[in-house]
Amino acid sequence: MSIQSVQQVADRLRTNIATVIVGKHEIIDLLLVALLCEGHVLLEDVPGTGKTTMARALACSIDCPFRRIQFTPDLLPSDVTGLSFFNQKLGDFQFRPGAIFSAVLLADEINRATPRTQSALLEAMQERTVTIDGETRPLPRPFLVLATQNPVELEGTFPLPEAQLDRFLVQLEPGYPELEEEISILTRYDRADPLATLGPVTNADEVRELQRLVRTVQIADPVRHYIVSIVRATRTSTDVQLGASPRASLALQRAAQALAALRGREFVIPDDVRELAIPILAHRLIVQAETRLRGRSAADVVQAAVAQVPVPVEPA
């Protein structure tokens, strides 16, 4: 397989998901970027914008198991990870896997669970393993967490700490559809749910091979310097309390590799980095209260950082 194979499979995935999701082409591309560089996705938007449907469509398209957990204040860590129980018939302890043992996990309204339950995802998201009763168990590959948050209803929620936000490769806000897109949704879902008949266009083995290929996409030293300079610019900004970490630099590099591969290139260009800077970095920043009062968001801070760093150019 070659880098062109990544583009071909991505085209098939886009087309397949588009039979269920109307529009949202940029969001779907970023979802594929997360899949290809083994990242995780935080979906933040109001209810009814297709977040769950998008997750299920992706799982169907790659022919991988999908599980959904509704996060609530009474959810326990063992409900997520699983537990060992004593089987009286066998006279021994057995392990009952939790919902996290799936390829695509939808953590719905993750900020409604307690911090203890939220933290049950940390090891899984970073190491792709789960440790229970002293035994470390590997998770299936590919493994993708899509967590949703409702930014409107904040009563009874537990905001994700910085350490957990940093585990998410990208934060996406699908938003409301355009007028014509919403009319198309009504037409498409008039008689049946297209998700019910959605079939796979690839499989887990091929996805793993594509993930390996994405790691071979070349990044020139000036582009690496460009990535690090943007991340460091967020740390020195007077508008933030906490800038992006070195994990953010790695995330931006890997995402740029995946985006280049999606577009059939074997090398990363600065435009890839610029396009990904906000969705990769903005959710990792803690913005000063005074900055928020002036109406500036984390995305504005990242945009300013990108604007102040010179773009590398090829020597004449």
Protein backbone atom coordinates (compact mmCIF):
# COMPACT_ATOMS: atom_id res chain seq x y z
CA MET A 1 0.00 0.00 0.00
CA SER A 2 1.07 3.60 -0.64
CA ILE A 3 0.10 7.07 0.53
CA GLN A 4 -2.32 7.19 -2.39
CA SER A 5 -4.12 4.27 -0.73
CA VAL A 6 -4.84 6.53 2.25
CA GLN A 7 -6.49 9.08 -0.02
CA GLN A 8 -8.52 6.40 -1.82
CA VAL A 9 -9.84 4.84 1.40
CA ALA A 10 -10.55 8.29 2.85
CA ASP A 11 -12.59 9.15 -0.26
CA ARG A 12 -14.62 5.97 0.22
CA LEU A 13 -15.18 6.79 3.88
CA ARG A 14 -16.25 10.36 3.11
CA THR A 15 -18.73 9.17 0.48
CA ASN A 16 -20.13 6.49 2.78
CA ILE A 17 -20.54 8.79 5.78
CA ALA A 18 -22.07 11.45 3.52
CA THR A 19 -25.02 9.12 2.85
CA VAL A 20 -25.96 9.65 6.50
CA ILE A 21 -24.46 13.04 7.41
CA VAL A 22 -25.42 15.98 5.20
CA GLY A 23 -22.64 18.54 4.73
CA LYS A 24 -20.02 18.85 7.51
CA HIS A 25 -17.22 17.98 5.08
CA GLU A 26 -14.53 19.73 7.16
CA ILE A 27 -15.75 18.01 10.35
CA ILE A 28 -15.67 14.59 8.65
CA ASP A 29 -12.12 15.25 7.39
CA LEU A 30 -10.97 16.10 10.92
CA LEU A 31 -12.68 12.97 12.20
CA LEU A 32 -10.70 10.93 9.66
CA VAL A 33 -7.52 12.75 10.69
CA ALA A 34 -8.13 11.63 14.29
CA LEU A 35 -8.75 8.06 13.18
CA LEU A 36 -5.60 7.90 11.06
CA CYS A 37 -3.25 9.30 13.71
CA GLU A 38 -4.88 7.36 16.56
CA GLY A 39 -6.22 10.44 18.30
CA HIS A 40 -9.46 11.11 20.15
CA VAL A 41 -12.21 13.62 19.46
CA LEU A 42 -14.14 16.00 21.71
CA LEU A 43 -17.44 17.03 20.11
CA GLU A 44 -18.92 20.11 21.74
CA ASP A 45 -22.26 21.37 20.51
CA VAL A 46 -25.94 21.60 21.37
CA PRO A 47 -28.11 18.46 21.18
CA GLY A 48 -29.47 17.30 17.84
CA THR A 49 -26.58 18.28 15.57
CA GLY A 50 -25.68 14.71 14.56
CA LYS A 51 -22.81 13.90 16.93
CA THR A 52 -24.01 10.39 17.80
CA THR A 53 -25.03 9.65 14.23
CA MET A 54 -21.59 10.70 12.99
CA ALA A 55 -19.87 8.36 15.46
CA ARG A 56 -22.09 5.42 14.52
CA ALA A 57 -21.62 6.10 10.80
CA LEU A 58 -17.83 6.05 11.21
CA ALA A 59 -17.94 2.76 13.14
CA CYS A 60 -20.18 1.17 10.50
CA SER A 61 -17.94 2.42 7.69
CA ILE A 62 -14.79 0.83 9.15
CA ASP A 63 -16.64 -2.37 10.18
CA CYS A 64 -15.62 -2.03 13.84
CA PRO A 65 -17.54 -2.53 17.12
CA PHE A 66 -19.30 0.57 18.45
CA ARG A 67 -20.37 1.20 22.04
CA ARG A 68 -22.07 4.17 23.62
CA ILE A 69 -21.93 5.18 27.28
CA GLN A 70 -24.35 7.77 28.65
CA PHE A 71 -22.28 9.57 31.27
CA THR A 72 -24.29 10.48 34.38
CA PRO A 73 -23.32 11.45 37.96
CA ASP A 74 -24.00 7.91 39.24
CA LEU A 75 -21.84 6.20 36.57
CA LEU A 76 -18.99 4.21 38.15
CA PRO A 77 -15.47 3.71 36.73
CA SER A 78 -16.15 -0.04 36.56
CA ASP A 79 -19.12 0.67 34.26
CA VAL A 80 -16.60 2.07 31.80
CA THR A 81 -13.63 -0.25 32.22
CA GLY A 82 -15.24 -3.50 33.39
CA LEU A 83 -14.76 -5.54 36.56
CA SER A 84 -13.77 -8.93 37.93
CA PHE A 85 -16.57 -10.95 39.53
CA PHE A 86 -16.74 -14.33 41.24
CA ASN A 87 -18.43 -16.95 39.07
CA GLN A 88 -20.00 -19.43 41.48
CA LYS A 89 -20.46 -22.10 38.78
CA LEU A 90 -16.77 -22.05 37.86
CA GLY A 91 -15.56 -21.30 41.38
CA ASP A 92 -13.20 -18.59 40.10
CA PHE A 93 -13.04 -14.92 39.25
CA GLN A 94 -13.91 -13.81 35.72
CA PHE A 95 -13.42 -10.52 33.97
CA ARG A 96 -16.43 -8.78 32.48
CA PRO A 97 -15.24 -6.18 29.93
CA GLY A 98 -16.73 -2.70 30.09
CA ALA A 99 -17.90 -0.60 27.18
CA ILE A 100 -14.38 0.73 26.68
CA PHE A 101 -13.39 -2.57 25.05
CA SER A 102 -14.63 -1.49 21.63
CA ALA A 103 -13.03 0.11 18.60
CA VAL A 104 -15.22 3.24 18.58
CA LEU A 105 -16.47 4.47 21.96
CA LEU A 106 -18.97 7.31 22.25
CA ALA A 107 -18.73 8.92 25.69
CA ASP A 108 -21.97 10.89 25.59
CA GLU A 109 -22.12 14.03 27.76
CA ILE A 110 -18.81 13.16 29.39
CA ASN A 111 -18.91 16.25 31.63
CA ARG A 112 -21.96 14.88 33.50
CA ALA A 113 -19.92 12.12 35.16
CA THR A 114 -17.84 12.67 38.29
CA PRO A 115 -14.08 13.33 37.94
CA ARG A 116 -13.39 9.83 39.27
CA THR A 117 -15.34 8.26 36.40
CA GLN A 118 -13.93 10.69 33.84
CA SER A 119 -10.42 9.70 34.88
CA ALA A 120 -11.19 6.05 34.07
CA LEU A 121 -10.66 7.04 30.43
CA LEU A 122 -7.21 8.58 30.92
CA GLU A 123 -5.08 5.43 30.75
CA ALA A 124 -7.15 4.02 27.90
CA MET A 125 -6.86 7.19 25.82
CA GLN A 126 -3.11 7.53 26.28
CA GLU A 127 -1.72 3.97 26.53
CA ARG A 128 -4.58 2.01 24.86
CA THR A 129 -4.64 -0.28 27.89
CA VAL A 130 -6.84 -0.73 30.97
CA THR A 131 -5.45 -1.85 34.35
CA ILE A 132 -7.94 -3.64 36.61
CA ASP A 133 -7.02 -5.53 39.79
CA GLY A 134 -3.34 -5.16 38.93
CA GLU A 135 -3.68 -6.73 35.48
CA THR A 136 -3.12 -4.60 32.37
CA ARG A 137 -5.35 -5.50 29.43
CA PRO A 138 -4.79 -4.17 25.90
CA LEU A 139 -7.61 -2.46 24.04
CA PRO A 140 -8.52 -3.32 20.45
CA ARG A 141 -6.90 -1.40 17.60
CA PRO A 142 -8.04 0.87 16.14
CA PHE A 143 -9.35 2.54 19.29
CA LEU A 144 -11.12 5.89 19.05
CA VAL A 145 -12.93 7.81 21.80
CA LEU A 146 -15.50 10.38 20.72
CA ALA A 147 -16.72 12.36 23.72
CA THR A 148 -19.60 14.84 23.56
CA GLN A 149 -20.31 17.90 25.68
CA ASN A 150 -23.34 20.17 25.75
CA PRO A 151 -22.02 23.74 26.17
CA VAL A 152 -25.45 25.11 27.10
CA GLU A 153 -26.59 22.99 30.06
CA LEU A 154 -23.89 23.45 32.71
CA GLU A 155 -25.94 22.68 35.84
CA GLY A 156 -24.83 19.43 37.43
CA THR A 157 -21.75 19.05 35.23
CA PHE A 158 -18.08 18.52 36.05
CA PRO A 159 -15.79 20.42 33.65
CA LEU A 160 -13.01 18.30 32.20
CA PRO A 161 -9.64 19.12 33.79
CA GLU A 162 -6.76 20.33 31.65
CA ALA A 163 -5.01 16.95 31.91
CA GLN A 164 -7.95 15.20 30.30
CA LEU A 165 -8.61 17.87 27.67
CA ASP A 166 -4.99 17.46 26.62
CA ARG A 167 -5.70 13.78 25.82
CA PHE A 168 -8.09 14.77 23.04
CA LEU A 169 -6.38 15.29 19.72
CA VAL A 170 -9.04 17.62 18.37
CA GLN A 171 -12.14 19.50 19.48
CA LEU A 172 -14.93 19.85 16.92
CA GLU A 173 -18.10 21.93 16.88
CA PRO A 174 -20.39 20.56 14.14
CA GLY A 175 -22.85 23.46 14.38
CA TYR A 176 -26.26 23.81 12.78
CA PRO A 177 -26.65 22.87 9.11
CA GLU A 178 -27.19 25.44 6.38
CA LEU A 179 -30.73 25.98 5.05
CA GLU A 180 -30.36 23.71 2.01
CA GLU A 181 -28.56 21.09 4.07
CA GLU A 182 -31.37 20.97 6.63
CA ILE A 183 -33.93 20.56 3.86
CA SER A 184 -31.82 17.67 2.49
CA ILE A 185 -31.85 16.08 5.95
CA LEU A 186 -35.64 16.13 6.02
CA THR A 187 -35.78 14.58 2.55
CA ARG A 188 -33.19 11.92 3.27
CA TYR A 189 -34.79 10.80 6.54
CA ASP A 190 -38.35 11.06 5.24
CA ARG A 191 -39.09 7.33 4.84
CA ALA A 192 -36.20 5.47 6.51
CA ASP A 193 -33.04 5.94 8.53
CA PRO A 194 -30.09 5.61 6.10
CA LEU A 195 -27.87 4.54 9.00
CA ALA A 196 -29.82 1.28 9.26
CA THR A 197 -28.59 0.18 5.82
CA LEU A 198 -25.10 1.68 5.97
CA GLY A 199 -22.40 -0.87 5.14
CA PRO A 200 -18.62 -0.95 5.64
CA VAL A 201 -16.14 0.29 3.02
CA THR A 202 -12.98 -0.82 4.85
CA ASN A 203 -12.01 -2.90 7.88
CA ALA A 204 -9.85 -2.79 11.00
CA ASP A 205 -6.84 -4.45 9.33
CA GLU A 206 -6.79 -1.87 6.55
CA VAL A 207 -7.24 1.00 9.01
CA ARG A 208 -4.23 -0.23 11.01
CA GLU A 209 -2.15 -0.36 7.83
CA LEU A 210 -3.24 3.18 6.90
CA GLN A 211 -2.27 4.38 10.38
CA ARG A 212 1.19 2.89 9.83
CA LEU A 213 1.49 4.62 6.45
CA VAL A 214 0.53 8.00 7.91
CA ARG A 215 3.57 7.81 10.22
CA THR A 216 5.82 7.65 7.12
CA VAL A 217 4.68 11.06 5.80
CA GLN A 218 7.74 13.28 5.75
CA ILE A 219 8.10 16.52 7.69
CA ALA A 220 10.96 18.86 6.83
CA ASP A 221 12.87 20.49 9.68
CA PRO A 222 11.56 24.01 8.85
CA VAL A 223 7.97 22.72 9.15
CA ARG A 224 8.77 21.08 12.49
CA HIS A 225 10.25 24.39 13.63
CA TYR A 226 7.06 26.11 12.44
CA ILE A 227 4.90 23.74 14.52
CA VAL A 228 6.95 24.25 17.67
CA SER A 229 7.07 28.03 17.18
CA ILE A 230 3.26 28.24 16.99
CA VAL A 231 2.85 26.11 20.13
CA ARG A 232 5.44 28.13 22.03
CA ALA A 233 3.75 31.36 20.96
CA THR A 234 0.63 30.25 22.84
CA ARG A 235 2.71 29.89 26.01
CA THR A 236 4.13 33.41 25.85
CA SER A 237 0.82 35.10 25.04
CA THR A 238 -0.41 37.48 27.73
CA ASP A 239 -3.95 36.31 26.99
CA VAL A 240 -3.48 32.84 28.46
CA GLN A 241 -2.81 31.37 31.90
CA LEU A 242 -1.61 28.10 30.43
CA GLY A 243 -0.39 27.50 26.91
CA ALA A 244 -0.18 24.33 24.84
CA SER A 245 2.06 21.50 26.07
CA PRO A 246 4.68 19.45 24.19
CA ARG A 247 1.92 16.84 23.77
CA ALA A 248 0.16 19.48 21.69
CA SER A 249 3.23 19.82 19.45
CA LEU A 250 3.21 16.07 18.86
CA ALA A 251 -0.52 16.13 18.21
CA LEU A 252 -0.19 18.92 15.67
CA GLN A 253 2.64 17.10 13.89
CA ARG A 254 0.76 13.79 13.70
CA ALA A 255 -2.45 15.45 12.60
CA ALA A 256 -0.58 17.33 9.87
CA GLN A 257 0.86 14.00 8.66
CA ALA A 258 -2.64 12.51 8.51
CA LEU A 259 -4.08 15.52 6.70
CA ALA A 260 -1.29 15.43 4.12
CA ALA A 261 -1.93 11.70 3.56
CA LEU A 262 -5.68 12.34 3.17
CA ARG A 263 -4.80 14.69 0.34
CA GLY A 264 -2.45 12.21 -1.33
CA ARG A 265 0.82 13.89 -0.33
CA GLU A 266 3.90 12.20 1.11
CA PHE A 267 5.03 15.38 2.86
CA VAL A 268 3.57 18.04 5.15
CA ILE A 269 3.30 21.66 4.04
CA PRO A 270 2.78 24.74 6.27
CA ASP A 271 -0.83 25.07 5.09
CA ASP A 272 -1.60 21.74 6.76
CA VAL A 273 -0.33 23.10 10.05
CA ARG A 274 -2.23 26.38 9.72
CA GLU A 275 -5.48 24.56 8.92
CA LEU A 276 -5.20 22.32 11.97
CA ALA A 277 -3.85 24.80 14.52
CA ILE A 278 -7.19 25.92 15.99
CA PRO A 279 -8.96 22.51 16.29
CA ILE A 280 -5.79 20.91 17.69
CA LEU A 281 -4.62 23.66 20.08
CA ALA A 282 -7.55 25.84 21.18
CA HIS A 283 -9.12 23.41 23.69
CA ARG A 284 -5.74 22.95 25.41
CA LEU A 285 -5.41 26.62 26.43
CA ILE A 286 -6.61 28.25 29.63
CA VAL A 287 -7.53 31.79 28.67
CA GLN A 288 -7.25 34.72 31.10
CA ALA A 289 -10.56 35.95 32.54
CA GLU A 290 -9.83 39.47 31.27
CA THR A 291 -9.33 38.08 27.77
CA ARG A 292 -12.73 36.38 27.85
CA LEU A 293 -14.34 39.57 29.07
CA ARG A 294 -12.92 41.35 26.02
CA GLY A 295 -14.71 38.79 23.86
CA ARG A 296 -11.58 36.91 22.79
CA SER A 297 -11.69 33.12 22.78
CA ALA A 298 -8.97 30.46 22.81
CA ALA A 299 -9.42 30.15 19.05
CA ASP A 300 -8.62 33.86 18.70
CA VAL A 301 -5.44 33.38 20.74
CA VAL A 302 -4.32 30.49 18.52
CA GLN A 303 -5.12 32.50 15.40
CA ALA A 304 -2.98 35.35 16.70
CA ALA A 305 -0.13 32.93 17.44
CA VAL A 306 -0.31 31.57 13.89
CA ALA A 307 -0.33 35.08 12.46
CA GLN A 308 2.81 36.15 14.35
CA VAL A 309 4.97 33.14 13.37
CA PRO A 310 6.69 33.49 9.98
CA VAL A 311 5.67 30.82 7.46
CA PRO A 312 8.64 28.77 6.24
CA VAL A 313 9.32 29.07 2.51
CA GLU A 314 11.48 27.08 0.15
CA PRO A 315 14.85 28.67 -0.62
CA ALA A 316 14.99 30.35 -4.00
